[in-house]
Amino acid sequence: MTAERRKATEAEANALASGIRLRIIRLTFTEALTNKELAQRLGRDPATTLHHVRKLVDTGFLRALPARKGTRGAREIPYLSTGLSWELDDAGVTPGVSEAVLEAYLAEVAEVGPDALRQSRLVLQLHPAEHAEFERRLYDLLEEFKNRSPQPGEPSVAVYTVLYPSR
C-alpha cells in the first residue's frame, strides 16, 4: 500500500533543488555526519557545506544530534537525515528539483564507477491505467523495503528510478 505523501512546500522544494543538498541527505541517511565530515566526503569547502546543512535543517530534511567532541576536542554537531524527502509526492518532478536529482545521481555514480552499478533498461507499452498500476506497485515495493528494520553494519544500497516517455 502506497504511503500517504504530501505536496512539498515552496521552501522544501527550494531546499531540494540542489544536487549537493540531495547528496547530503543520502550521506546522512544511515550515519550521522558533522559538517566537516560532509565537506570532506563531498570534496567541498566546509563553509559552503554548512550553508547547505543549515538550509536542510531549517526545512526539516536533517536534524542535529547532540554535540560531541571532535578529534581535537572541538565541539562538533552530527546531522542525520529525517527521511522527509521520501514523504513528498511531487518533489522529484518540481522544476529545479528534477534537475538536482539527476545531478546528484550522476555525481554519486561517478564516485562509485560504472562497474559498481546493477543497471537494466526496459521499454513498456502500457495503457494509462496499467502505467498507473505499474508506478504504484513500484513505489509500494520501494516503500516496503524502506520500512524494513535495518541491521547494524549492513551495507546500504541507493536506488534511482526514472520513468520517462520512450520516443
N, C-alpha and C. Protein backbone atom coordinates (compact mmCIF):
# COMPACT_ATOMS: atom_id res chain seq x y z
N MET A 1 0.84 -1.17 0.00
CA MET A 1 0.00 0.00 0.00
C MET A 1 0.89 1.24 0.00
N THR A 2 0.69 2.11 -0.92
CA THR A 2 1.49 3.32 -1.05
C THR A 2 1.30 4.21 0.17
N ALA A 3 2.42 4.67 0.75
CA ALA A 3 2.36 5.57 1.89
C ALA A 3 1.77 6.90 1.44
N GLU A 4 1.09 7.54 2.35
CA GLU A 4 0.50 8.85 2.07
C GLU A 4 1.61 9.88 1.93
N ARG A 5 1.63 10.54 0.80
CA ARG A 5 2.62 11.58 0.57
C ARG A 5 1.91 12.91 0.45
N ARG A 6 2.65 13.99 0.63
CA ARG A 6 2.07 15.32 0.53
C ARG A 6 2.89 16.18 -0.41
N LYS A 7 2.29 17.25 -0.83
CA LYS A 7 2.94 18.21 -1.72
C LYS A 7 4.04 18.94 -0.94
N ALA A 8 5.17 19.14 -1.59
CA ALA A 8 6.27 19.87 -0.98
C ALA A 8 5.91 21.34 -0.86
N THR A 9 6.31 21.95 0.24
CA THR A 9 6.14 23.39 0.36
C THR A 9 7.15 24.07 -0.55
N GLU A 10 6.98 25.35 -0.78
CA GLU A 10 7.93 26.09 -1.60
C GLU A 10 9.34 26.02 -1.00
N ALA A 11 9.44 26.16 0.32
CA ALA A 11 10.74 26.11 0.99
C ALA A 11 11.37 24.72 0.86
N GLU A 12 10.56 23.67 0.98
CA GLU A 12 11.08 22.30 0.84
C GLU A 12 11.57 22.05 -0.58
N ALA A 13 10.78 22.45 -1.56
CA ALA A 13 11.18 22.27 -2.96
C ALA A 13 12.46 23.05 -3.24
N ASN A 14 12.55 24.25 -2.72
CA ASN A 14 13.75 25.06 -2.89
C ASN A 14 14.97 24.37 -2.28
N ALA A 15 14.79 23.79 -1.10
CA ALA A 15 15.90 23.09 -0.44
C ALA A 15 16.35 21.88 -1.24
N LEU A 16 15.41 21.21 -1.88
CA LEU A 16 15.76 20.01 -2.66
C LEU A 16 16.30 20.32 -4.05
N ALA A 17 16.25 21.56 -4.45
CA ALA A 17 16.69 21.95 -5.80
C ALA A 17 18.20 22.16 -5.84
N SER A 18 18.93 21.27 -5.21
CA SER A 18 20.39 21.32 -5.18
C SER A 18 20.95 19.91 -5.12
N GLY A 19 21.78 19.56 -6.08
CA GLY A 19 22.40 18.24 -6.08
C GLY A 19 23.23 18.00 -4.83
N ILE A 20 23.92 19.02 -4.35
CA ILE A 20 24.74 18.88 -3.14
C ILE A 20 23.85 18.56 -1.94
N ARG A 21 22.74 19.27 -1.80
CA ARG A 21 21.86 19.01 -0.66
C ARG A 21 21.25 17.61 -0.74
N LEU A 22 20.93 17.16 -1.92
CA LEU A 22 20.41 15.79 -2.07
C LEU A 22 21.47 14.76 -1.70
N ARG A 23 22.71 15.04 -2.03
CA ARG A 23 23.79 14.13 -1.65
C ARG A 23 24.01 14.14 -0.14
N ILE A 24 23.85 15.29 0.50
CA ILE A 24 23.97 15.37 1.96
C ILE A 24 22.88 14.52 2.61
N ILE A 25 21.66 14.60 2.08
CA ILE A 25 20.56 13.79 2.62
C ILE A 25 20.91 12.31 2.51
N ARG A 26 21.45 11.89 1.36
CA ARG A 26 21.81 10.48 1.19
C ARG A 26 22.94 10.08 2.13
N LEU A 27 23.96 10.91 2.24
CA LEU A 27 25.10 10.57 3.09
C LEU A 27 24.72 10.43 4.56
N THR A 28 23.71 11.17 4.99
CA THR A 28 23.30 11.14 6.39
C THR A 28 22.10 10.22 6.64
N PHE A 29 21.76 9.42 5.68
CA PHE A 29 20.61 8.53 5.83
C PHE A 29 20.86 7.47 6.90
N THR A 30 22.03 6.85 6.91
CA THR A 30 22.31 5.78 7.87
C THR A 30 23.40 6.14 8.87
N GLU A 31 24.04 7.29 8.67
CA GLU A 31 25.17 7.66 9.52
C GLU A 31 25.13 9.16 9.80
N ALA A 32 25.19 9.51 11.07
CA ALA A 32 25.23 10.92 11.44
C ALA A 32 26.63 11.46 11.13
N LEU A 33 26.68 12.55 10.38
CA LEU A 33 27.96 13.15 9.99
C LEU A 33 27.99 14.63 10.37
N THR A 34 29.16 15.10 10.72
CA THR A 34 29.35 16.51 11.02
C THR A 34 29.53 17.28 9.71
N ASN A 35 29.44 18.59 9.81
CA ASN A 35 29.66 19.43 8.64
C ASN A 35 31.05 19.17 8.05
N LYS A 36 32.05 19.04 8.90
CA LYS A 36 33.42 18.80 8.43
C LYS A 36 33.50 17.46 7.68
N GLU A 37 32.86 16.43 8.22
CA GLU A 37 32.86 15.12 7.57
C GLU A 37 32.14 15.17 6.23
N LEU A 38 31.02 15.90 6.20
CA LEU A 38 30.29 16.04 4.94
C LEU A 38 31.13 16.77 3.90
N ALA A 39 31.78 17.86 4.30
CA ALA A 39 32.62 18.62 3.38
C ALA A 39 33.73 17.74 2.81
N GLN A 40 34.34 16.92 3.65
CA GLN A 40 35.40 16.03 3.18
C GLN A 40 34.87 15.01 2.18
N ARG A 41 33.73 14.40 2.48
CA ARG A 41 33.16 13.39 1.58
C ARG A 41 32.70 13.98 0.25
N LEU A 42 32.27 15.22 0.30
CA LEU A 42 31.79 15.88 -0.92
C LEU A 42 32.89 16.62 -1.67
N GLY A 43 34.07 16.74 -1.05
CA GLY A 43 35.16 17.49 -1.68
C GLY A 43 34.83 18.97 -1.78
N ARG A 44 34.16 19.50 -0.77
CA ARG A 44 33.71 20.89 -0.75
C ARG A 44 34.31 21.64 0.42
N ASP A 45 34.21 22.95 0.36
CA ASP A 45 34.63 23.82 1.43
C ASP A 45 33.64 23.68 2.59
N PRO A 46 34.11 23.57 3.85
CA PRO A 46 33.20 23.43 4.99
C PRO A 46 32.20 24.58 5.13
N ALA A 47 32.59 25.81 4.81
CA ALA A 47 31.67 26.94 4.92
C ALA A 47 30.51 26.80 3.94
N THR A 48 30.81 26.38 2.73
CA THR A 48 29.76 26.18 1.72
C THR A 48 28.85 25.03 2.14
N THR A 49 29.45 23.97 2.64
CA THR A 49 28.67 22.81 3.08
C THR A 49 27.76 23.20 4.23
N LEU A 50 28.26 24.02 5.16
CA LEU A 50 27.45 24.44 6.30
C LEU A 50 26.21 25.22 5.84
N HIS A 51 26.35 26.02 4.81
CA HIS A 51 25.20 26.74 4.25
C HIS A 51 24.12 25.73 3.83
N HIS A 52 24.52 24.68 3.14
CA HIS A 52 23.57 23.66 2.68
C HIS A 52 22.97 22.89 3.86
N VAL A 53 23.81 22.54 4.83
CA VAL A 53 23.34 21.81 6.01
C VAL A 53 22.29 22.64 6.75
N ARG A 54 22.56 23.92 6.95
CA ARG A 54 21.60 24.78 7.67
C ARG A 54 20.27 24.86 6.93
N LYS A 55 20.31 24.95 5.61
CA LYS A 55 19.06 25.00 4.84
C LYS A 55 18.28 23.70 5.01
N LEU A 56 18.98 22.57 5.03
CA LEU A 56 18.32 21.28 5.21
C LEU A 56 17.76 21.12 6.62
N VAL A 57 18.44 21.64 7.61
CA VAL A 57 17.93 21.61 8.99
C VAL A 57 16.70 22.50 9.09
N ASP A 58 16.80 23.70 8.54
CA ASP A 58 15.69 24.67 8.62
C ASP A 58 14.42 24.15 7.96
N THR A 59 14.55 23.31 6.94
CA THR A 59 13.37 22.81 6.23
C THR A 59 12.97 21.39 6.65
N GLY A 60 13.67 20.83 7.65
CA GLY A 60 13.27 19.55 8.21
C GLY A 60 13.83 18.31 7.55
N PHE A 61 14.78 18.46 6.63
CA PHE A 61 15.37 17.29 5.96
C PHE A 61 16.50 16.67 6.78
N LEU A 62 17.13 17.47 7.64
CA LEU A 62 18.17 16.98 8.55
C LEU A 62 17.80 17.39 9.96
N ARG A 63 18.26 16.60 10.92
CA ARG A 63 18.13 17.01 12.31
C ARG A 63 19.50 16.95 12.95
N ALA A 64 19.76 17.93 13.79
CA ALA A 64 21.02 17.98 14.53
C ALA A 64 20.93 17.05 15.73
N LEU A 65 21.98 16.28 15.94
CA LEU A 65 22.06 15.41 17.11
C LEU A 65 22.86 16.14 18.19
N PRO A 66 22.90 15.61 19.41
CA PRO A 66 23.69 16.27 20.45
C PRO A 66 25.16 16.44 20.03
N ALA A 67 25.72 17.57 20.43
CA ALA A 67 27.12 17.86 20.08
C ALA A 67 28.04 16.82 20.69
N ARG A 68 29.16 16.60 20.02
CA ARG A 68 30.18 15.68 20.51
C ARG A 68 31.54 16.34 20.37
N LYS A 69 32.53 15.78 21.01
CA LYS A 69 33.88 16.32 20.89
C LYS A 69 34.56 15.67 19.69
N GLY A 70 35.18 16.52 18.88
CA GLY A 70 35.91 16.03 17.73
C GLY A 70 37.29 15.54 18.11
N THR A 71 38.07 15.15 17.12
CA THR A 71 39.40 14.59 17.36
C THR A 71 40.33 15.58 18.07
N ARG A 72 40.13 16.85 17.88
CA ARG A 72 40.97 17.87 18.52
C ARG A 72 40.26 18.53 19.70
N GLY A 73 39.19 17.94 20.17
CA GLY A 73 38.47 18.46 21.31
C GLY A 73 37.44 19.53 20.98
N ALA A 74 37.34 19.90 19.72
CA ALA A 74 36.36 20.92 19.32
C ALA A 74 34.95 20.33 19.37
N ARG A 75 33.98 21.19 19.61
CA ARG A 75 32.58 20.79 19.63
C ARG A 75 32.10 20.60 18.19
N GLU A 76 31.56 19.42 17.89
CA GLU A 76 31.05 19.12 16.56
C GLU A 76 29.60 18.66 16.67
N ILE A 77 28.80 19.07 15.69
CA ILE A 77 27.39 18.67 15.67
C ILE A 77 27.17 17.68 14.53
N PRO A 78 26.77 16.45 14.85
CA PRO A 78 26.44 15.50 13.78
C PRO A 78 25.00 15.70 13.31
N TYR A 79 24.76 15.42 12.06
CA TYR A 79 23.44 15.58 11.45
C TYR A 79 22.99 14.26 10.87
N LEU A 80 21.69 14.02 10.93
CA LEU A 80 21.09 12.79 10.42
C LEU A 80 19.87 13.14 9.59
N SER A 81 19.69 12.45 8.48
CA SER A 81 18.53 12.65 7.62
C SER A 81 17.26 12.25 8.36
N THR A 82 16.19 12.99 8.12
CA THR A 82 14.89 12.69 8.73
C THR A 82 14.02 11.77 7.87
N GLY A 83 14.40 11.59 6.60
CA GLY A 83 13.58 10.80 5.68
C GLY A 83 12.45 11.59 5.05
N LEU A 84 12.39 12.88 5.30
CA LEU A 84 11.31 13.71 4.79
C LEU A 84 11.22 13.70 3.26
N SER A 85 12.34 13.65 2.58
CA SER A 85 12.31 13.75 1.12
C SER A 85 11.49 12.63 0.49
N TRP A 86 11.46 11.46 1.10
CA TRP A 86 10.69 10.34 0.57
C TRP A 86 9.19 10.55 0.78
N GLU A 87 8.82 11.37 1.74
CA GLU A 87 7.42 11.58 2.07
C GLU A 87 6.73 12.61 1.18
N LEU A 88 7.49 13.26 0.31
CA LEU A 88 6.93 14.32 -0.53
C LEU A 88 6.54 13.74 -1.88
N ASP A 89 5.32 14.01 -2.29
CA ASP A 89 4.75 13.41 -3.50
C ASP A 89 5.33 13.99 -4.79
N ASP A 90 5.53 15.28 -4.82
CA ASP A 90 5.85 15.94 -6.08
C ASP A 90 7.27 16.47 -6.18
N ALA A 91 8.09 16.26 -5.17
CA ALA A 91 9.40 16.90 -5.13
C ALA A 91 10.27 16.51 -6.32
N GLY A 92 10.23 15.26 -6.74
CA GLY A 92 11.08 14.81 -7.84
C GLY A 92 10.70 15.33 -9.20
N VAL A 93 9.50 15.91 -9.33
CA VAL A 93 9.06 16.43 -10.62
C VAL A 93 8.97 17.95 -10.62
N THR A 94 9.26 18.57 -9.50
CA THR A 94 9.23 20.03 -9.41
C THR A 94 10.39 20.61 -10.20
N PRO A 95 10.15 21.62 -11.04
CA PRO A 95 11.27 22.23 -11.78
C PRO A 95 12.39 22.64 -10.84
N GLY A 96 13.59 22.35 -11.23
CA GLY A 96 14.74 22.63 -10.38
C GLY A 96 15.10 21.41 -9.55
N VAL A 97 14.11 20.76 -8.97
CA VAL A 97 14.38 19.58 -8.16
C VAL A 97 14.70 18.39 -9.06
N SER A 98 13.97 18.23 -10.15
CA SER A 98 14.22 17.09 -11.03
C SER A 98 15.64 17.16 -11.60
N GLU A 99 16.12 18.35 -11.94
CA GLU A 99 17.48 18.51 -12.42
C GLU A 99 18.49 18.18 -11.32
N ALA A 100 18.18 18.60 -10.09
CA ALA A 100 19.07 18.34 -8.96
C ALA A 100 19.15 16.84 -8.65
N VAL A 101 18.02 16.13 -8.77
CA VAL A 101 18.01 14.68 -8.53
C VAL A 101 18.94 14.00 -9.54
N LEU A 102 18.82 14.37 -10.80
CA LEU A 102 19.69 13.79 -11.82
C LEU A 102 21.15 14.16 -11.57
N GLU A 103 21.40 15.41 -11.21
CA GLU A 103 22.77 15.86 -10.92
C GLU A 103 23.37 15.05 -9.77
N ALA A 104 22.61 14.85 -8.69
CA ALA A 104 23.09 14.09 -7.54
C ALA A 104 23.38 12.64 -7.94
N TYR A 105 22.46 12.05 -8.70
CA TYR A 105 22.66 10.68 -9.16
C TYR A 105 23.94 10.55 -9.98
N LEU A 106 24.14 11.44 -10.93
CA LEU A 106 25.33 11.36 -11.78
C LEU A 106 26.62 11.53 -10.97
N ALA A 107 26.61 12.42 -9.98
CA ALA A 107 27.79 12.62 -9.13
C ALA A 107 28.06 11.37 -8.28
N GLU A 108 27.00 10.78 -7.76
CA GLU A 108 27.17 9.59 -6.92
C GLU A 108 27.65 8.39 -7.74
N VAL A 109 27.13 8.25 -8.95
CA VAL A 109 27.55 7.17 -9.83
C VAL A 109 29.01 7.37 -10.25
N ALA A 110 29.40 8.61 -10.48
CA ALA A 110 30.79 8.90 -10.83
C ALA A 110 31.73 8.49 -9.69
N GLU A 111 31.28 8.66 -8.45
CA GLU A 111 32.09 8.27 -7.30
C GLU A 111 32.32 6.77 -7.22
N VAL A 112 31.28 5.99 -7.45
CA VAL A 112 31.42 4.53 -7.31
C VAL A 112 31.91 3.87 -8.59
N GLY A 113 31.72 4.49 -9.74
CA GLY A 113 32.16 3.94 -11.01
C GLY A 113 31.14 3.00 -11.61
N PRO A 114 31.16 2.86 -12.93
CA PRO A 114 30.14 2.05 -13.62
C PRO A 114 30.17 0.56 -13.27
N ASP A 115 31.32 0.04 -12.86
CA ASP A 115 31.38 -1.38 -12.53
C ASP A 115 30.60 -1.73 -11.27
N ALA A 116 30.31 -0.73 -10.42
CA ALA A 116 29.57 -0.97 -9.19
C ALA A 116 28.05 -0.92 -9.39
N LEU A 117 27.61 -0.59 -10.59
CA LEU A 117 26.18 -0.42 -10.86
C LEU A 117 25.54 -1.72 -11.32
N ARG A 118 24.30 -1.96 -10.88
CA ARG A 118 23.45 -3.02 -11.43
C ARG A 118 22.39 -2.29 -12.22
N GLN A 119 22.51 -2.28 -13.53
CA GLN A 119 21.61 -1.50 -14.38
C GLN A 119 20.77 -2.41 -15.26
N SER A 120 19.62 -1.91 -15.62
CA SER A 120 18.79 -2.57 -16.62
C SER A 120 17.92 -1.52 -17.29
N ARG A 121 17.48 -1.83 -18.48
CA ARG A 121 16.61 -0.92 -19.23
C ARG A 121 15.49 -1.75 -19.83
N LEU A 122 14.35 -1.13 -19.92
CA LEU A 122 13.19 -1.82 -20.45
C LEU A 122 12.21 -0.78 -20.97
N VAL A 123 11.63 -1.05 -22.11
CA VAL A 123 10.56 -0.19 -22.62
C VAL A 123 9.26 -0.97 -22.48
N LEU A 124 8.28 -0.34 -21.89
CA LEU A 124 6.97 -0.95 -21.71
C LEU A 124 5.95 -0.16 -22.51
N GLN A 125 5.00 -0.87 -23.10
CA GLN A 125 3.89 -0.21 -23.79
C GLN A 125 2.66 -0.49 -22.95
N LEU A 126 2.19 0.56 -22.24
CA LEU A 126 1.13 0.38 -21.26
C LEU A 126 -0.02 1.34 -21.49
N HIS A 127 -1.21 0.84 -21.27
CA HIS A 127 -2.41 1.67 -21.23
C HIS A 127 -2.26 2.58 -20.01
N PRO A 128 -2.83 3.78 -20.02
CA PRO A 128 -2.69 4.68 -18.87
C PRO A 128 -3.02 4.05 -17.52
N ALA A 129 -4.02 3.20 -17.46
CA ALA A 129 -4.36 2.54 -16.19
C ALA A 129 -3.25 1.57 -15.78
N GLU A 130 -2.68 0.87 -16.76
CA GLU A 130 -1.57 -0.05 -16.46
C GLU A 130 -0.33 0.73 -16.02
N HIS A 131 -0.09 1.86 -16.67
CA HIS A 131 1.03 2.71 -16.28
C HIS A 131 0.88 3.14 -14.82
N ALA A 132 -0.30 3.58 -14.45
CA ALA A 132 -0.57 4.00 -13.07
C ALA A 132 -0.37 2.82 -12.11
N GLU A 133 -0.83 1.64 -12.49
CA GLU A 133 -0.66 0.45 -11.64
C GLU A 133 0.82 0.12 -11.50
N PHE A 134 1.56 0.15 -12.60
CA PHE A 134 2.99 -0.14 -12.57
C PHE A 134 3.72 0.81 -11.62
N GLU A 135 3.44 2.10 -11.76
CA GLU A 135 4.10 3.09 -10.92
C GLU A 135 3.74 2.89 -9.44
N ARG A 136 2.46 2.64 -9.16
CA ARG A 136 2.02 2.42 -7.78
C ARG A 136 2.71 1.20 -7.19
N ARG A 137 2.76 0.11 -7.93
CA ARG A 137 3.37 -1.12 -7.42
C ARG A 137 4.87 -0.97 -7.23
N LEU A 138 5.52 -0.23 -8.12
CA LEU A 138 6.95 0.02 -7.99
C LEU A 138 7.23 0.80 -6.70
N TYR A 139 6.47 1.85 -6.45
CA TYR A 139 6.66 2.64 -5.24
C TYR A 139 6.24 1.88 -3.99
N ASP A 140 5.24 1.01 -4.10
CA ASP A 140 4.87 0.16 -2.96
C ASP A 140 6.03 -0.76 -2.58
N LEU A 141 6.70 -1.32 -3.58
CA LEU A 141 7.84 -2.19 -3.32
C LEU A 141 8.97 -1.41 -2.65
N LEU A 142 9.26 -0.22 -3.15
CA LEU A 142 10.29 0.61 -2.53
C LEU A 142 9.92 0.96 -1.09
N GLU A 143 8.65 1.30 -0.87
CA GLU A 143 8.17 1.63 0.47
C GLU A 143 8.30 0.43 1.41
N GLU A 144 7.96 -0.75 0.92
CA GLU A 144 8.07 -1.96 1.74
C GLU A 144 9.50 -2.17 2.22
N PHE A 145 10.46 -2.06 1.32
CA PHE A 145 11.85 -2.28 1.70
C PHE A 145 12.38 -1.13 2.57
N LYS A 146 11.92 0.08 2.32
CA LYS A 146 12.33 1.22 3.15
C LYS A 146 11.89 1.02 4.59
N ASN A 147 10.73 0.41 4.80
CA ASN A 147 10.18 0.24 6.13
C ASN A 147 10.74 -0.96 6.90
N ARG A 148 11.57 -1.76 6.28
CA ARG A 148 12.17 -2.88 6.99
C ARG A 148 13.19 -2.34 7.99
N SER A 149 13.33 -3.05 9.08
CA SER A 149 14.28 -2.63 10.12
C SER A 149 15.70 -2.92 9.65
N PRO A 150 16.53 -1.87 9.56
CA PRO A 150 17.91 -2.11 9.14
C PRO A 150 18.71 -2.83 10.22
N GLN A 151 19.62 -3.65 9.81
CA GLN A 151 20.50 -4.35 10.73
C GLN A 151 21.81 -3.57 10.84
N PRO A 152 22.29 -3.36 12.05
CA PRO A 152 23.54 -2.61 12.21
C PRO A 152 24.68 -3.25 11.41
N GLY A 153 25.43 -2.40 10.74
CA GLY A 153 26.58 -2.86 9.98
C GLY A 153 26.28 -3.37 8.58
N GLU A 154 25.01 -3.51 8.24
CA GLU A 154 24.66 -3.98 6.90
C GLU A 154 24.95 -2.87 5.89
N PRO A 155 25.42 -3.25 4.70
CA PRO A 155 25.66 -2.21 3.70
C PRO A 155 24.35 -1.63 3.18
N SER A 156 24.42 -0.40 2.73
CA SER A 156 23.22 0.23 2.16
C SER A 156 23.36 0.25 0.64
N VAL A 157 22.24 0.39 -0.02
CA VAL A 157 22.21 0.47 -1.47
C VAL A 157 21.33 1.65 -1.85
N ALA A 158 21.76 2.41 -2.82
CA ALA A 158 20.97 3.54 -3.31
C ALA A 158 20.18 3.10 -4.52
N VAL A 159 18.95 3.59 -4.63
CA VAL A 159 18.08 3.24 -5.74
C VAL A 159 17.68 4.53 -6.44
N TYR A 160 17.83 4.54 -7.74
CA TYR A 160 17.41 5.68 -8.56
C TYR A 160 16.43 5.13 -9.57
N THR A 161 15.21 5.62 -9.55
CA THR A 161 14.23 5.19 -10.54
C THR A 161 13.80 6.38 -11.37
N VAL A 162 13.54 6.11 -12.61
CA VAL A 162 13.06 7.15 -13.50
C VAL A 162 12.14 6.52 -14.53
N LEU A 163 11.01 7.13 -14.72
CA LEU A 163 10.09 6.73 -15.78
C LEU A 163 10.02 7.90 -16.73
N TYR A 164 10.19 7.64 -18.01
CA TYR A 164 10.17 8.72 -18.99
C TYR A 164 9.57 8.21 -20.29
N PRO A 165 9.03 9.11 -21.11
CA PRO A 165 8.43 8.68 -22.37
C PRO A 165 9.50 8.12 -23.31
N SER A 166 9.21 7.01 -23.92
CA SER A 166 10.12 6.41 -24.91
C SER A 166 9.68 6.90 -26.28
N ARG A 167 10.51 7.65 -26.93
CA ARG A 167 10.16 8.21 -28.24
C ARG A 167 10.87 7.50 -29.35
